[in-house]
N, C-alpha and C. Protein backbone atom coordinates (compact mmCIF):
# COMPACT_ATOMS: atom_id res chain seq x y z
N MET A 1 -90.29 95.78 78.01
CA MET A 1 -90.26 96.49 78.09
C MET A 1 -88.20 97.29 77.79
N VAL A 2 -87.65 96.32 79.04
CA VAL A 2 -86.27 96.82 79.14
C VAL A 2 -84.89 96.68 77.83
N VAL A 3 -85.84 95.99 78.01
CA VAL A 3 -85.15 95.21 76.72
C VAL A 3 -85.23 95.18 75.56
N GLY A 4 -86.15 95.93 74.80
CA GLY A 4 -87.11 96.81 73.85
C GLY A 4 -86.32 97.42 73.82
N TYR A 5 -85.73 98.45 74.29
CA TYR A 5 -85.13 100.00 74.75
C TYR A 5 -83.42 99.74 74.68
N GLY A 6 -83.46 99.21 75.57
CA GLY A 6 -82.42 98.40 76.06
C GLY A 6 -81.30 98.30 74.07
N TYR A 7 -82.44 97.64 72.97
CA TYR A 7 -81.19 98.02 72.14
C TYR A 7 -81.66 98.71 71.16
N ILE A 8 -82.88 99.73 71.17
CA ILE A 8 -83.03 100.84 70.63
C ILE A 8 -81.94 100.90 71.35
N ILE A 9 -81.64 102.03 72.18
CA ILE A 9 -80.53 102.94 72.82
C ILE A 9 -79.69 101.65 71.89
N TYR A 10 -79.00 100.50 71.92
CA TYR A 10 -77.97 100.02 71.68
C TYR A 10 -77.77 100.28 69.77
N LYS A 11 -78.13 100.18 69.64
CA LYS A 11 -78.70 100.48 68.15
C LYS A 11 -78.84 101.46 67.53
N LEU A 12 -79.06 102.54 67.96
CA LEU A 12 -79.41 104.13 67.72
C LEU A 12 -78.63 105.36 68.63
N GLY A 13 -78.19 105.23 69.96
CA GLY A 13 -77.95 105.77 70.70
C GLY A 13 -79.03 106.61 71.44
N MET A 14 -78.69 107.43 72.01
CA MET A 14 -79.84 107.85 72.88
C MET A 14 -80.13 109.31 71.28
N PRO A 15 -81.69 109.86 72.32
CA PRO A 15 -82.75 109.88 72.07
C PRO A 15 -81.74 112.21 72.09
N THR A 16 -81.50 112.25 71.00
CA THR A 16 -81.06 113.70 71.11
C THR A 16 -81.96 114.48 70.42
N LYS A 17 -83.00 113.49 69.07
CA LYS A 17 -83.77 115.32 68.38
C LYS A 17 -85.32 115.12 68.87
N ILE A 18 -85.28 115.16 69.46
CA ILE A 18 -86.61 115.07 70.84
C ILE A 18 -86.66 116.54 70.14
N ILE A 19 -86.54 117.98 70.01
CA ILE A 19 -87.22 118.94 70.30
C ILE A 19 -86.75 119.56 68.46
N GLN A 20 -85.89 119.11 67.82
CA GLN A 20 -86.06 119.45 66.39
C GLN A 20 -87.82 117.63 66.14
N ALA A 21 -87.78 116.73 66.57
CA ALA A 21 -88.89 115.89 65.64
C ALA A 21 -90.32 116.85 66.02
N PHE A 22 -90.03 118.01 67.10
CA PHE A 22 -91.79 118.60 67.34
C PHE A 22 -91.42 119.54 66.13
N LYS A 23 -90.34 119.97 65.31
CA LYS A 23 -90.08 120.93 64.55
C LYS A 23 -90.32 120.06 63.03
N ASP A 24 -88.90 119.57 63.07
CA ASP A 24 -89.21 118.92 61.00
C ASP A 24 -88.96 117.27 61.67
N VAL A 25 -90.38 116.97 62.19
CA VAL A 25 -90.66 115.75 61.48
C VAL A 25 -90.42 115.10 60.12
N TYR A 26 -90.13 115.70 59.58
CA TYR A 26 -89.75 114.37 57.81
C TYR A 26 -88.15 114.16 58.38
N SER A 27 -87.71 115.25 58.33
CA SER A 27 -86.00 115.20 58.74
C SER A 27 -85.86 113.93 59.47
N VAL A 28 -86.15 113.81 60.75
CA VAL A 28 -86.03 113.08 61.46
C VAL A 28 -86.34 111.76 61.81
N ARG A 29 -87.80 111.59 61.05
CA ARG A 29 -88.23 110.11 60.53
C ARG A 29 -86.99 109.78 59.42
N LEU A 30 -86.60 110.87 58.55
CA LEU A 30 -86.31 110.46 57.09
C LEU A 30 -84.34 109.46 58.20
N ASP A 31 -84.46 110.58 58.42
CA ASP A 31 -82.70 109.63 59.35
C ASP A 31 -83.45 108.58 60.67
N TYR A 32 -84.31 108.11 60.88
CA TYR A 32 -85.08 107.71 61.29
C TYR A 32 -84.90 106.32 60.70
N ARG A 33 -85.32 105.85 59.53
CA ARG A 33 -85.33 105.28 58.78
C ARG A 33 -83.92 104.83 58.18
N ASP A 34 -83.11 105.46 58.04
CA ASP A 34 -81.69 105.22 57.25
C ASP A 34 -81.06 103.57 58.52
N HIS A 35 -81.56 104.54 59.76
CA HIS A 35 -80.71 104.27 60.42
C HIS A 35 -81.55 103.28 61.57
N ALA A 36 -82.60 102.99 61.72
CA ALA A 36 -83.34 101.55 61.94
C ALA A 36 -83.58 100.39 61.24
N GLY A 37 -83.05 99.36 61.43
CA GLY A 37 -82.83 98.15 61.13
C GLY A 37 -84.55 97.88 61.52
N LYS A 38 -85.11 95.91 61.56
CA LYS A 38 -86.19 95.79 61.36
C LYS A 38 -86.75 95.70 62.66
N PHE A 39 -85.67 94.66 63.11
CA PHE A 39 -85.92 94.92 64.68
C PHE A 39 -86.27 96.80 66.29
N VAL A 40 -85.20 96.69 65.70
CA VAL A 40 -85.67 98.81 66.12
C VAL A 40 -87.24 99.06 65.38
N ASP A 41 -87.54 98.70 64.54
CA ASP A 41 -88.83 99.24 64.23
C ASP A 41 -89.73 98.65 64.72
N TYR A 42 -89.66 97.04 65.37
CA TYR A 42 -90.69 96.65 65.49
C TYR A 42 -91.34 96.90 67.82
N PHE A 43 -89.67 97.25 67.27
CA PHE A 43 -89.22 97.75 69.57
C PHE A 43 -90.09 99.03 69.31
N VAL A 44 -89.87 99.99 68.44
CA VAL A 44 -90.48 101.93 68.12
C VAL A 44 -91.98 100.77 67.65
N GLN A 45 -92.61 100.43 67.72
CA GLN A 45 -94.24 100.49 66.90
C GLN A 45 -94.27 99.55 68.24
N TRP A 46 -94.27 98.64 68.49
CA TRP A 46 -93.88 97.82 70.05
C TRP A 46 -94.55 98.40 71.65
N LEU A 47 -93.32 98.78 71.59
CA LEU A 47 -93.43 99.86 72.85
C LEU A 47 -94.41 101.03 73.20
N GLY A 48 -94.09 101.84 71.66
CA GLY A 48 -95.01 102.53 70.84
C GLY A 48 -96.47 102.23 71.65
N ASN A 49 -97.03 100.78 70.58
CA ASN A 49 -98.98 101.03 70.50
C ASN A 49 -99.01 100.05 71.42
N ILE A 50 -98.11 99.31 72.27
CA ILE A 50 -98.78 98.25 73.16
C ILE A 50 -98.77 98.97 74.29
N ILE A 51 -97.23 98.27 74.42
CA ILE A 51 -96.81 98.69 76.19
C ILE A 51 -97.07 100.26 76.78
N ASN A 52 -96.81 100.91 76.01
CA ASN A 52 -96.79 102.70 77.09
C ASN A 52 -98.23 102.91 77.08
N PRO A 53 -98.83 102.30 75.96
CA PRO A 53 -100.02 102.52 76.05
C PRO A 53 -101.50 101.67 78.01
N PHE A 54 -101.32 99.78 77.68
CA PHE A 54 -101.14 99.55 78.79
C PHE A 54 -100.44 100.17 80.00
N ILE A 55 -99.36 100.36 80.14
CA ILE A 55 -98.59 101.09 81.72
C ILE A 55 -99.41 102.20 81.99
N LEU A 56 -100.06 103.22 80.84
CA LEU A 56 -100.57 104.53 81.33
C LEU A 56 -102.43 104.03 82.26
N ALA A 57 -102.72 102.80 80.83
CA ALA A 57 -104.30 102.83 81.44
C ALA A 57 -104.23 101.65 82.84
N PHE A 58 -103.36 101.03 83.52
CA PHE A 58 -103.07 100.57 84.47
C PHE A 58 -102.61 100.62 85.94
N LEU A 59 -101.48 102.43 85.30
CA LEU A 59 -101.91 103.37 86.47
C LEU A 59 -102.79 103.71 86.79
N MET A 60 -103.41 104.44 85.84
CA MET A 60 -104.99 105.11 86.09
C MET A 60 -105.81 103.73 86.82
N TYR A 61 -105.67 102.46 86.08
CA TYR A 61 -106.09 101.85 86.65
C TYR A 61 -106.69 101.60 88.22
N LYS A 62 -105.86 101.18 88.68
CA LYS A 62 -104.77 101.02 89.81
C LYS A 62 -104.15 103.02 90.52
N ARG A 63 -104.52 103.74 90.50
CA ARG A 63 -104.71 105.43 91.12
C ARG A 63 -103.34 105.76 91.63
N LYS A 64 -102.72 105.10 90.50
CA LYS A 64 -101.64 105.73 90.91
C LYS A 64 -101.21 106.63 90.21
N TYR A 65 -101.72 107.87 89.97
CA TYR A 65 -101.54 109.01 89.14
C TYR A 65 -100.28 109.57 89.85
N LYS A 66 -99.20 109.69 90.63
CA LYS A 66 -98.46 110.05 90.59
C LYS A 66 -96.93 109.36 89.55
N LEU A 67 -97.34 108.57 89.40
CA LEU A 67 -97.09 107.72 88.45
C LEU A 67 -97.11 107.15 87.20
N VAL A 68 -98.28 108.09 86.65
CA VAL A 68 -98.64 108.30 85.00
C VAL A 68 -97.42 109.62 83.89
N PHE A 69 -96.24 109.81 84.49
CA PHE A 69 -96.37 110.71 84.15
C PHE A 69 -94.32 109.46 82.73
N ILE A 70 -94.87 108.10 83.63
CA ILE A 70 -93.54 107.98 83.18
C ILE A 70 -94.44 106.80 81.64
N PRO A 71 -94.99 106.62 82.03
CA PRO A 71 -95.29 106.11 80.08
C PRO A 71 -95.67 107.59 79.05
N PHE A 72 -95.66 108.51 79.45
CA PHE A 72 -95.81 109.79 78.55
C PHE A 72 -93.96 110.14 78.39
N VAL A 73 -93.19 109.41 79.37
CA VAL A 73 -91.27 110.54 79.04
C VAL A 73 -91.33 108.76 78.25
N LEU A 74 -91.61 107.98 77.88
CA LEU A 74 -91.20 107.03 77.87
C LEU A 74 -91.59 107.56 76.66
N GLN A 75 -93.13 107.61 75.79
CA GLN A 75 -93.38 108.06 74.79
C GLN A 75 -92.52 109.29 74.18
N LEU A 76 -91.90 110.15 75.04
CA LEU A 76 -91.41 111.18 73.92
C LEU A 76 -89.33 110.66 73.52
N VAL A 77 -89.45 110.21 74.58
CA VAL A 77 -87.24 109.34 74.52
C VAL A 77 -88.35 108.60 72.79
N LEU A 78 -89.52 107.63 72.62
CA LEU A 78 -89.83 107.28 71.46
C LEU A 78 -90.13 108.13 69.75
N TYR A 79 -90.27 109.58 70.60
CA TYR A 79 -91.32 110.65 69.45
C TYR A 79 -88.97 111.33 69.29
N GLY A 80 -88.74 110.78 70.29
CA GLY A 80 -87.11 111.49 70.21
C GLY A 80 -87.05 110.70 69.16
N TYR A 81 -86.74 109.69 68.06
CA TYR A 81 -86.15 108.48 67.97
C TYR A 81 -86.65 108.16 66.45
N ALA A 82 -88.11 108.66 66.82
CA ALA A 82 -88.84 108.41 65.09
C ALA A 82 -89.61 109.42 64.39
N ALA A 83 -90.67 110.23 65.14
CA ALA A 83 -91.40 110.74 64.82
C ALA A 83 -92.04 110.21 64.66
N TYR A 84 -92.97 110.19 65.79
CA TYR A 84 -95.04 108.88 65.40
C TYR A 84 -95.76 110.19 65.68
N LYS A 85 -96.81 110.65 65.14
CA LYS A 85 -97.42 111.57 65.84
C LYS A 85 -98.31 110.53 67.19
N THR A 86 -98.73 108.99 65.73
CA THR A 86 -99.62 108.55 66.11
C THR A 86 -99.38 107.88 67.49
N GLN A 87 -98.18 108.20 68.13
CA GLN A 87 -97.23 107.55 69.20
C GLN A 87 -98.65 108.49 70.76
N PHE A 88 -98.30 109.44 70.19
CA PHE A 88 -99.10 109.98 70.87
C PHE A 88 -100.13 110.73 71.41
N ALA A 89 -101.24 109.57 69.64
CA ALA A 89 -102.71 110.12 69.97
C ALA A 89 -103.45 108.54 70.82
N VAL A 90 -102.42 107.60 70.57
CA VAL A 90 -102.73 106.46 71.28
C VAL A 90 -102.83 106.66 73.23
N LEU A 91 -101.52 107.50 73.48
CA LEU A 91 -101.10 108.24 74.63
C LEU A 91 -103.41 108.51 75.56
N LEU A 92 -103.47 109.43 74.60
CA LEU A 92 -104.60 109.99 74.51
C LEU A 92 -105.80 108.79 74.68
N LEU A 93 -105.80 108.17 73.88
CA LEU A 93 -107.20 106.89 73.97
C LEU A 93 -106.51 105.82 75.22
N ALA A 94 -105.07 105.83 75.71
CA ALA A 94 -105.32 104.99 76.95
C ALA A 94 -106.53 104.49 77.71
N PRO A 95 -106.25 106.31 78.14
CA PRO A 95 -107.24 105.85 79.07
C PRO A 95 -108.86 105.35 79.22
N PHE A 96 -109.81 105.56 77.92
CA PHE A 96 -110.60 104.61 77.78
C PHE A 96 -110.15 103.27 78.03
N LEU A 97 -109.40 102.44 77.97
CA LEU A 97 -109.14 101.60 77.75
C LEU A 97 -109.60 100.69 79.32
N GLU A 98 -109.41 101.15 80.44
CA GLU A 98 -109.34 101.19 82.53
C GLU A 98 -111.47 100.76 81.37
């Protein structure tokens, strides 16, 4: 997970378009597609659809409710890069995995 986020930040820089991703999804996504390579997109998909939802479900299973905000923040960072709406839907379904 650390390697994935590190690589994304190394290739794309810090996520500065988080607010714009909510207002103008398609321009952020187009910019992401222009700058992201195959491995960046792989890490965004893997982290957003597998790792972060697993962490959320695991924290809820262990009843560590004070730490539940961490996967949401990590998803928000990924959303600032790619503006994939499905990543938020995945977090809504993750609690059903426990």
